[in-house]
Structures are given as C-alpha cells and as structure tokens.
Amino acid sequence: MLTTLALATILTPSAVAATPEVPLRPVHTYSIVARDPETGEMGVAVQSHWFSVGATVSWAEAGVGAVATQSFVEPSYGPLGLALMRAGKTAPEALKALLAADAHAPVRQVAMVDRHGNVAVHTGGSCIAEAGHQTGDGFSVQANMMENDTVWGAMAKAYESTKGDLAERLMAALEAAQAEGGDVRGKQSAAILVVPGKSQGAPWAERVVDLRVDDSAEPLVEMRRLLKVHRAYAHMNEGDAHMTEDDVEAAMASYAAAAEMYPEMAEIRYWQAITMATAGKVEESLPIFREVFTAEPRWLKLTPRLVKAGLLPDDPELLKTILSAGE
C-alpha cells in the first residue's frame, strides 16, 4: 500500500504533467478497457493512425487494473492510475484525482477499470471531434478524431455481443470501430494487453496477452493474425509444461491443438513429432518429420542435439529412424 505522503506526491500537478507543454498533435484514437467477470482478467486494446500506439496508450497490471490514456496523450496517467488502484482506490477515484491535478484535462481522453470491475472515463471538451465514450458492465470504450460519432457505440455493441475470452472480445471491439469508419486519418498501429485478475507475485509472467503492431497498412488484420499465432503458442507452452511433468499424453494433445491452429509453422509440427517419437509413437511421427524436414531442412541439424539436452532418448536407432525421414 502507498503511504499518505506517497499518494500526495502522486497527486501533485507536476506528477501528471510530466512535460510542461501539451503535445502538438493528438496521437491516439479509439480504445477499450475491460474486465472479464468470469476470469477476472483485465485488458486494454487500442488502434490509431500513429506509430507504436501501444507504447503509450496501453497500461495494465495483474490484480490491479487497466488504463487507456489518449487524445493529447499524457502517458503518466497509466502508471499513476495503476499506482492509485494498487493502493486501494477505485477506478473512478483514481481518475478523478489525476484529472484534478492536470491543468490540461480538457484535451485528455482517459479510461480505467479496476480489479472489481469499476470503470471510469473522461473525454475532455477540447478533444477533437468526433469524440466520445460509452460505458457498460465492466468496460469502457472511447474514441476521438473519428470518421463519425457512431464508432464508440459500435465498439460497445461488439464487445457485449461477442463470445470468447477477453482478448477475443477486445479484438472484436477494435474491428467494429474500424468497420464503422474508424480514425478519420486512417490506420497505422494497434495493441492488445491482457493481465490476470490476481497477481501471483511474478510480474514477468503475468501477461496473458501482450501483442503490438507498431506500423502496418492494416494493423487490425495483422493483429488478428498475431492473436491466432498467440493462441497456437499458448498450446505449445501448455505442451511444454505437461512434458516437464512427464504427462506425455496431455503434451501430445496440446501440441496437436497448436499444430491444427497454426499448421504453416513448421516448428510447432516438429515438436509435436518429437513428443510422439518420445512416447513410442515413432511410426505415427515419421510423416510429420518428413513434412517438416522437407519444408525446413535446418531441423535435421537440430535433432541430434536434442539427445544431449534430454529432449530425445539416447537411442541411436531411434535417431537414425527419425533422420531417415529427411532423406
């Protein structure tokens, strides 16, 4: 918890106004902050016609909350908002305190959600039209400099009606905004950040999803692709975890799910085959090895090295059989 003195320091005007001048250009456009009531996960997603939007707009911390700071952006709303929520303030209390200390509040657009699902949002009167926001159960959508004033309503509708995990619902909100016209300037970058509802004291491992597209003609198309890759590798990570517990069958199921989701990635298929061979399913693994070695011969060079690492049995005949799939 923060001490009274620490909180007072956070709430000084100089703490919010990290730079003495308001940025000359509004660099961020539409975003969403949300908490999933079933999992407790919290997240923020954004798209903008500005380079690397995720570096300044998106803030989230496991067990604390999520923040989106945009329009004439003041990045310190992110870490300071999280600090206040970490200290026990609700999202509305945190945002109210920071706005009170900000001499340039009329040009800000900021939204927050805390670990209990409380939401708060501010769209300053000097944000460039079309600008506005809409809140719902555990979420807030906000936008500025839009093609039209229906964007944030479309985002809210998409978020509320989409099935799936939090990342999927955040993605749907971004896509709905773009379909409604999006940023009047066009498209360039996007980001999605999702964290767990509870912290386990390991911040380096407490990001469920952390994806950014820093510069692209179609950032949301690329983000959708990255989300698919992320899900495939999540299955791979599950498989690795099962292997460390000697649960080969569970590992095989996870690797198979990853391969089905992202079949064009040879590495996923390779580790699926390695797991099958290790489990004694050598004949079933050979067609997969053959496919991988044909597509990318470099895996032939790697395979013998797995023996010393303990990832493949020290069995010369097994190794010979596997490598023969590359002949």
Protein backbone atom coordinates (compact mmCIF):
# COMPACT_ATOMS: atom_id res chain seq x y z
CA MET A 1 0.00 0.00 0.00
CA LEU A 2 1.15 3.56 -0.67
CA THR A 3 1.67 5.87 2.28
CA THR A 4 -0.25 9.13 2.60
CA LEU A 5 2.91 11.01 1.65
CA ALA A 6 3.43 8.85 -1.42
CA LEU A 7 -0.16 9.40 -2.53
CA ALA A 8 0.22 13.14 -2.05
CA THR A 9 3.34 13.06 -4.20
CA ILE A 10 1.50 11.19 -6.94
CA LEU A 11 -1.32 13.71 -6.94
CA THR A 12 0.78 16.83 -7.37
CA PRO A 13 0.14 18.59 -10.68
CA SER A 14 3.78 18.09 -11.70
CA ALA A 15 3.34 14.34 -11.39
CA VAL A 16 0.63 14.30 -14.04
CA ALA A 17 2.09 16.99 -16.24
CA ALA A 18 5.33 15.14 -16.90
CA THR A 19 6.04 17.58 -19.74
CA PRO A 20 5.33 21.32 -19.44
CA GLU A 21 3.65 21.63 -22.82
CA VAL A 22 0.65 19.84 -24.26
CA PRO A 23 1.70 17.64 -27.23
CA LEU A 24 1.20 19.42 -30.53
CA ARG A 25 -0.69 16.53 -32.10
CA PRO A 26 -3.37 14.15 -30.82
CA VAL A 27 -1.69 10.81 -31.30
CA HIS A 28 -4.30 8.24 -30.28
CA THR A 29 -7.77 7.35 -31.32
CA TYR A 30 -10.05 4.50 -30.23
CA SER A 31 -9.61 2.09 -27.34
CA ILE A 32 -11.35 -0.17 -24.85
CA VAL A 33 -10.61 -1.13 -21.24
CA ALA A 34 -12.47 -4.09 -19.75
CA ARG A 35 -12.63 -6.74 -17.03
CA ASP A 36 -13.93 -10.24 -17.69
CA PRO A 37 -16.32 -11.07 -14.82
CA GLU A 38 -15.80 -14.83 -15.23
CA THR A 39 -11.99 -14.97 -15.21
CA GLY A 40 -11.18 -11.64 -13.58
CA GLU A 41 -8.79 -10.85 -16.43
CA MET A 42 -8.39 -7.17 -17.28
CA GLY A 43 -7.27 -5.69 -20.56
CA VAL A 44 -6.87 -2.74 -22.83
CA ALA A 45 -6.85 -2.57 -26.63
CA VAL A 46 -6.25 0.35 -28.98
CA GLN A 47 -5.84 1.29 -32.65
CA SER A 48 -4.51 4.56 -34.02
CA HIS A 49 -3.07 6.36 -37.01
CA TRP A 50 0.16 6.84 -35.08
CA PHE A 51 3.38 4.87 -34.80
CA SER A 52 3.63 2.33 -31.94
CA VAL A 53 0.41 3.31 -30.18
CA GLY A 54 0.73 0.51 -27.64
CA ALA A 55 3.86 2.04 -26.14
CA THR A 56 1.96 4.96 -24.60
CA VAL A 57 -1.76 4.18 -24.51
CA SER A 58 -1.93 0.68 -23.01
CA TRP A 59 -1.31 0.04 -19.31
CA ALA A 60 -2.36 -2.92 -17.18
CA GLU A 61 -1.19 -4.78 -14.09
CA ALA A 62 -2.32 -8.14 -12.75
CA GLY A 63 -4.60 -7.83 -9.76
CA VAL A 64 -4.79 -4.06 -10.15
CA GLY A 65 -6.48 -2.74 -13.31
CA ALA A 66 -6.10 -1.40 -16.82
CA VAL A 67 -5.75 2.12 -18.23
CA ALA A 68 -6.01 3.71 -21.68
CA THR A 69 -4.66 7.26 -22.00
CA GLN A 70 -5.11 9.03 -25.34
CA SER A 71 -6.10 12.15 -27.30
CA PHE A 72 -3.42 14.77 -26.44
CA VAL A 73 -1.83 11.95 -24.53
CA GLU A 74 -0.30 12.16 -21.07
CA PRO A 75 1.40 8.75 -20.57
CA SER A 76 1.76 9.21 -16.80
CA TYR A 77 -1.97 8.54 -16.37
CA GLY A 78 -1.04 4.89 -16.95
CA PRO A 79 1.49 4.22 -14.18
CA LEU A 80 -0.06 6.74 -11.79
CA GLY A 81 -3.54 5.36 -12.30
CA LEU A 82 -2.27 1.84 -11.63
CA ALA A 83 -0.41 3.06 -8.54
CA LEU A 84 -3.59 4.58 -7.11
CA MET A 85 -5.64 1.47 -7.84
CA ARG A 86 -2.88 -0.69 -6.36
CA ALA A 87 -3.16 1.46 -3.22
CA GLY A 88 -6.87 0.66 -2.94
CA LYS A 89 -8.53 3.46 -4.89
CA THR A 90 -11.36 2.54 -7.24
CA ALA A 91 -11.02 3.41 -10.92
CA PRO A 92 -13.38 6.43 -10.55
CA GLU A 93 -11.44 7.68 -7.52
CA ALA A 94 -8.10 7.28 -9.27
CA LEU A 95 -9.20 9.05 -12.44
CA LYS A 96 -10.87 11.90 -10.53
CA ALA A 97 -7.69 12.51 -8.53
CA LEU A 98 -5.45 12.57 -11.58
CA LEU A 99 -7.75 14.86 -13.56
CA ALA A 100 -7.86 17.29 -10.64
CA ALA A 101 -4.08 17.54 -10.77
CA ASP A 102 -3.93 18.02 -14.56
CA ALA A 103 -4.02 21.56 -15.93
CA HIS A 104 -4.67 20.12 -19.41
CA ALA A 105 -7.58 17.84 -18.52
CA PRO A 106 -9.83 19.31 -21.27
CA VAL A 107 -7.64 17.76 -24.01
CA ARG A 108 -7.31 14.34 -22.37
CA GLN A 109 -9.27 11.17 -23.00
CA VAL A 110 -8.64 8.53 -20.35
CA ALA A 111 -10.39 5.34 -19.24
CA MET A 112 -9.73 2.96 -16.34
CA VAL A 113 -11.09 -0.31 -14.99
CA ASP A 114 -10.11 -1.78 -11.63
CA ARG A 115 -9.92 -5.36 -10.36
CA HIS A 116 -13.51 -5.17 -9.10
CA GLY A 117 -14.88 -4.10 -12.49
CA ASN A 118 -15.45 -0.45 -11.62
CA VAL A 119 -14.96 1.75 -14.69
CA ALA A 120 -14.23 5.43 -15.15
CA VAL A 121 -13.78 7.51 -18.29
CA HIS A 122 -13.13 11.14 -19.20
CA THR A 123 -13.45 12.76 -22.59
CA GLY A 124 -12.28 16.35 -22.36
CA GLY A 125 -14.31 19.06 -24.01
CA SER A 126 -11.35 20.04 -26.19
CA CYS A 127 -10.78 16.58 -27.68
CA ILE A 128 -11.03 16.70 -31.48
CA ALA A 129 -14.40 15.63 -32.85
CA GLU A 130 -15.80 13.22 -33.38
CA ALA A 131 -15.03 12.26 -29.78
CA GLY A 132 -16.97 10.40 -27.11
CA HIS A 133 -17.26 7.32 -24.94
CA GLN A 134 -19.68 4.70 -23.67
CA THR A 135 -19.53 2.51 -20.59
CA GLY A 136 -21.10 -0.83 -19.77
CA ASP A 137 -20.78 -3.65 -17.27
CA GLY A 138 -17.05 -3.76 -16.52
CA PHE A 139 -15.91 -1.92 -19.63
CA SER A 140 -15.49 1.46 -21.28
CA VAL A 141 -14.98 2.32 -24.95
CA GLN A 142 -13.69 5.73 -26.04
CA ALA A 143 -12.60 7.42 -29.23
CA ASN A 144 -11.53 10.77 -30.63
CA MET A 145 -10.93 12.14 -34.12
CA MET A 146 -13.29 9.56 -35.60
CA GLU A 147 -14.87 9.46 -39.02
CA ASN A 148 -18.26 9.72 -37.32
CA ASP A 149 -19.87 9.65 -33.88
CA THR A 150 -21.19 6.08 -34.10
CA VAL A 151 -17.79 4.44 -33.55
CA TRP A 152 -17.86 4.02 -29.77
CA GLY A 153 -21.42 2.73 -29.81
CA ALA A 154 -20.41 0.08 -32.34
CA MET A 155 -17.47 -0.89 -30.15
CA ALA A 156 -19.68 -1.34 -27.10
CA LYS A 157 -22.18 -3.44 -29.04
CA ALA A 158 -19.43 -5.68 -30.43
CA TYR A 159 -17.82 -6.19 -27.05
CA GLU A 160 -21.10 -7.09 -25.37
CA SER A 161 -22.26 -9.46 -28.12
CA THR A 162 -19.02 -11.31 -28.89
CA LYS A 163 -18.41 -14.74 -27.37
CA GLY A 164 -14.99 -15.95 -26.29
CA ASP A 165 -12.21 -14.88 -23.98
CA LEU A 166 -11.37 -11.29 -23.12
CA ALA A 167 -8.77 -10.92 -25.89
CA GLU A 168 -11.32 -12.02 -28.48
CA ARG A 169 -13.89 -9.53 -27.21
CA LEU A 170 -11.35 -6.69 -27.18
CA MET A 171 -10.35 -7.58 -30.73
CA ALA A 172 -13.99 -7.56 -31.82
CA ALA A 173 -14.42 -4.06 -30.40
CA LEU A 174 -11.46 -2.76 -32.40
CA GLU A 175 -12.71 -4.38 -35.60
CA ALA A 176 -16.18 -2.92 -35.07
CA ALA A 177 -14.69 0.55 -34.69
CA GLN A 178 -12.83 0.22 -37.96
CA ALA A 179 -15.89 -1.14 -39.74
CA GLU A 180 -17.78 1.95 -38.57
CA GLY A 181 -15.24 4.29 -40.17
CA GLY A 182 -12.56 4.42 -37.51
CA ASP A 183 -9.98 7.17 -37.31
CA VAL A 184 -10.57 9.96 -39.81
CA ARG A 185 -6.82 9.91 -40.55
CA GLY A 186 -6.66 6.19 -41.35
CA LYS A 187 -4.80 3.26 -39.74
CA GLN A 188 -1.26 2.53 -38.58
CA SER A 189 -0.78 0.67 -35.29
CA ALA A 190 -2.63 -1.39 -32.70
CA ALA A 191 -2.10 -3.18 -29.39
CA ILE A 192 -3.83 -5.64 -27.05
CA LEU A 193 -2.74 -6.19 -23.44
CA VAL A 194 -4.48 -8.63 -21.06
CA VAL A 195 -3.41 -9.46 -17.50
CA PRO A 196 -4.72 -11.91 -14.85
CA GLY A 197 -7.28 -10.81 -12.30
CA LYS A 198 -4.97 -11.86 -9.47
CA SER A 199 -1.24 -11.42 -9.10
CA GLN A 200 0.98 -14.32 -8.10
CA GLY A 201 3.88 -12.02 -7.34
CA ALA A 202 5.64 -12.78 -10.62
CA PRO A 203 5.06 -9.73 -12.87
CA TRP A 204 7.39 -11.12 -15.55
CA ALA A 205 4.91 -13.95 -16.10
CA GLU A 206 1.65 -12.08 -15.60
CA ARG A 207 0.69 -11.03 -19.10
CA VAL A 208 -1.92 -13.29 -20.65
CA VAL A 209 -1.73 -11.47 -24.00
CA ASP A 210 0.75 -8.77 -24.97
CA LEU A 211 0.63 -8.03 -28.70
CA ARG A 212 1.59 -4.94 -30.67
CA VAL A 213 1.55 -3.96 -34.32
CA ASP A 214 3.69 -0.83 -34.47
CA ASP A 215 3.43 0.08 -38.16
CA SER A 216 1.17 -1.51 -40.76
CA ALA A 217 -1.18 -0.57 -43.56
CA GLU A 218 -3.69 -2.99 -41.99
CA PRO A 219 -2.89 -3.15 -38.27
CA LEU A 220 -6.06 -4.95 -37.25
CA VAL A 221 -5.64 -7.61 -39.92
CA GLU A 222 -2.13 -8.21 -38.63
CA MET A 223 -3.35 -8.15 -35.03
CA ARG A 224 -5.95 -10.79 -35.83
CA ARG A 225 -3.18 -12.95 -37.33
CA LEU A 226 -0.93 -12.43 -34.30
CA LEU A 227 -3.77 -13.37 -31.98
CA LYS A 228 -4.09 -16.69 -33.81
CA VAL A 229 -0.34 -17.27 -33.52
CA HIS A 230 -0.50 -16.35 -29.83
CA ARG A 231 -3.19 -18.94 -29.20
CA ALA A 232 -1.19 -21.61 -31.02
CA TYR A 233 1.92 -20.90 -28.98
CA ALA A 234 -0.14 -20.89 -25.81
CA HIS A 235 -0.99 -24.51 -26.62
CA MET A 236 2.73 -25.13 -27.23
CA ASN A 237 3.56 -23.70 -23.82
CA GLU A 238 0.93 -25.95 -22.28
CA GLY A 239 2.54 -28.90 -24.01
CA ASP A 240 5.96 -27.96 -22.66
CA ALA A 241 4.53 -27.69 -19.15
CA HIS A 242 2.97 -31.14 -19.46
CA MET A 243 6.29 -32.57 -20.62
CA THR A 244 8.06 -31.23 -17.54
CA GLU A 245 5.50 -33.18 -15.52
CA ASP A 246 6.04 -36.33 -17.67
CA ASP A 247 2.43 -36.17 -18.85
CA VAL A 248 3.14 -37.17 -22.43
CA GLU A 249 -0.45 -37.74 -23.48
CA ALA A 250 -1.51 -34.28 -22.33
CA ALA A 251 1.51 -32.76 -24.04
CA MET A 252 0.65 -34.50 -27.29
CA ALA A 253 -2.89 -33.16 -27.13
CA SER A 254 -1.63 -29.61 -26.58
CA TYR A 255 0.91 -29.84 -29.41
CA ALA A 256 -1.74 -31.28 -31.72
CA ALA A 257 -4.07 -28.38 -30.92
CA ALA A 258 -1.28 -25.92 -31.69
CA ALA A 259 -0.49 -27.63 -34.99
CA GLU A 260 -4.13 -27.58 -36.04
CA MET A 261 -4.42 -23.91 -35.22
CA TYR A 262 -1.21 -22.86 -36.99
CA PRO A 263 -0.27 -25.62 -39.48
CA GLU A 264 2.02 -23.39 -41.54
CA MET A 265 4.50 -23.09 -38.66
CA ALA A 266 6.98 -25.94 -39.06
CA GLU A 267 8.35 -25.64 -35.53
CA ILE A 268 5.01 -26.49 -33.98
CA ARG A 269 4.74 -29.62 -36.10
CA TYR A 270 8.35 -30.53 -35.27
CA TRP A 271 7.84 -30.55 -31.51
CA GLN A 272 4.61 -32.44 -31.96
CA ALA A 273 6.58 -35.14 -33.81
CA ILE A 274 9.36 -35.16 -31.19
CA THR A 275 6.80 -35.72 -28.46
CA MET A 276 5.17 -38.56 -30.39
CA ALA A 277 8.53 -40.24 -31.01
CA THR A 278 9.49 -39.88 -27.35
CA ALA A 279 6.19 -41.50 -26.37
CA GLY A 280 6.90 -44.52 -28.58
CA LYS A 281 4.64 -43.43 -31.44
CA VAL A 282 7.55 -43.44 -33.89
CA GLU A 283 5.69 -44.63 -36.98
CA GLU A 284 2.99 -42.02 -36.50
CA SER A 285 5.63 -39.31 -36.10
CA LEU A 286 7.57 -40.05 -39.30
CA PRO A 287 5.13 -38.42 -41.76
CA ILE A 288 5.24 -35.26 -39.66
CA PHE A 289 9.06 -35.32 -39.52
CA ARG A 290 9.15 -35.84 -43.28
CA GLU A 291 6.87 -32.85 -43.81
CA VAL A 292 8.96 -30.64 -41.52
CA PHE A 293 12.37 -31.72 -42.88
CA THR A 294 11.17 -31.16 -46.45
CA ALA A 295 9.88 -27.69 -45.67
CA GLU A 296 12.83 -26.64 -43.49
CA PRO A 297 15.94 -28.90 -43.59
CA ARG A 298 17.51 -26.98 -40.69
CA TRP A 299 15.51 -29.15 -38.26
CA LEU A 300 17.61 -32.12 -39.37
CA LYS A 301 20.68 -30.38 -37.97
CA LEU A 302 19.00 -29.63 -34.67
CA THR A 303 17.57 -33.09 -33.99
CA PRO A 304 20.78 -34.92 -32.86
CA ARG A 305 21.43 -32.13 -30.36
CA LEU A 306 18.22 -32.98 -28.51
CA VAL A 307 19.72 -36.20 -27.20
CA LYS A 308 22.32 -34.47 -25.03
CA ALA A 309 19.68 -31.99 -23.84
CA GLY A 310 17.47 -34.86 -22.68
CA LEU A 311 14.68 -33.99 -25.09
CA LEU A 312 15.12 -37.19 -27.12
CA PRO A 313 16.07 -40.68 -25.81
CA ASP A 314 19.72 -41.67 -26.16
CA ASP A 315 18.82 -44.34 -28.70
CA PRO A 316 20.94 -44.38 -31.90
CA GLU A 317 18.37 -46.47 -33.78
CA LEU A 318 15.58 -44.08 -32.91
CA LEU A 319 17.66 -41.10 -34.01
CA LYS A 320 18.57 -42.87 -37.26
CA THR A 321 14.93 -43.63 -37.95
CA ILE A 322 13.88 -40.03 -37.36
CA LEU A 323 16.65 -38.59 -39.52
CA SER A 324 15.78 -41.01 -42.32
CA ALA A 325 12.56 -39.05 -42.75
CA GLY A 326 14.70 -36.27 -44.17
CA GLU A 327 16.34 -38.40 -46.87
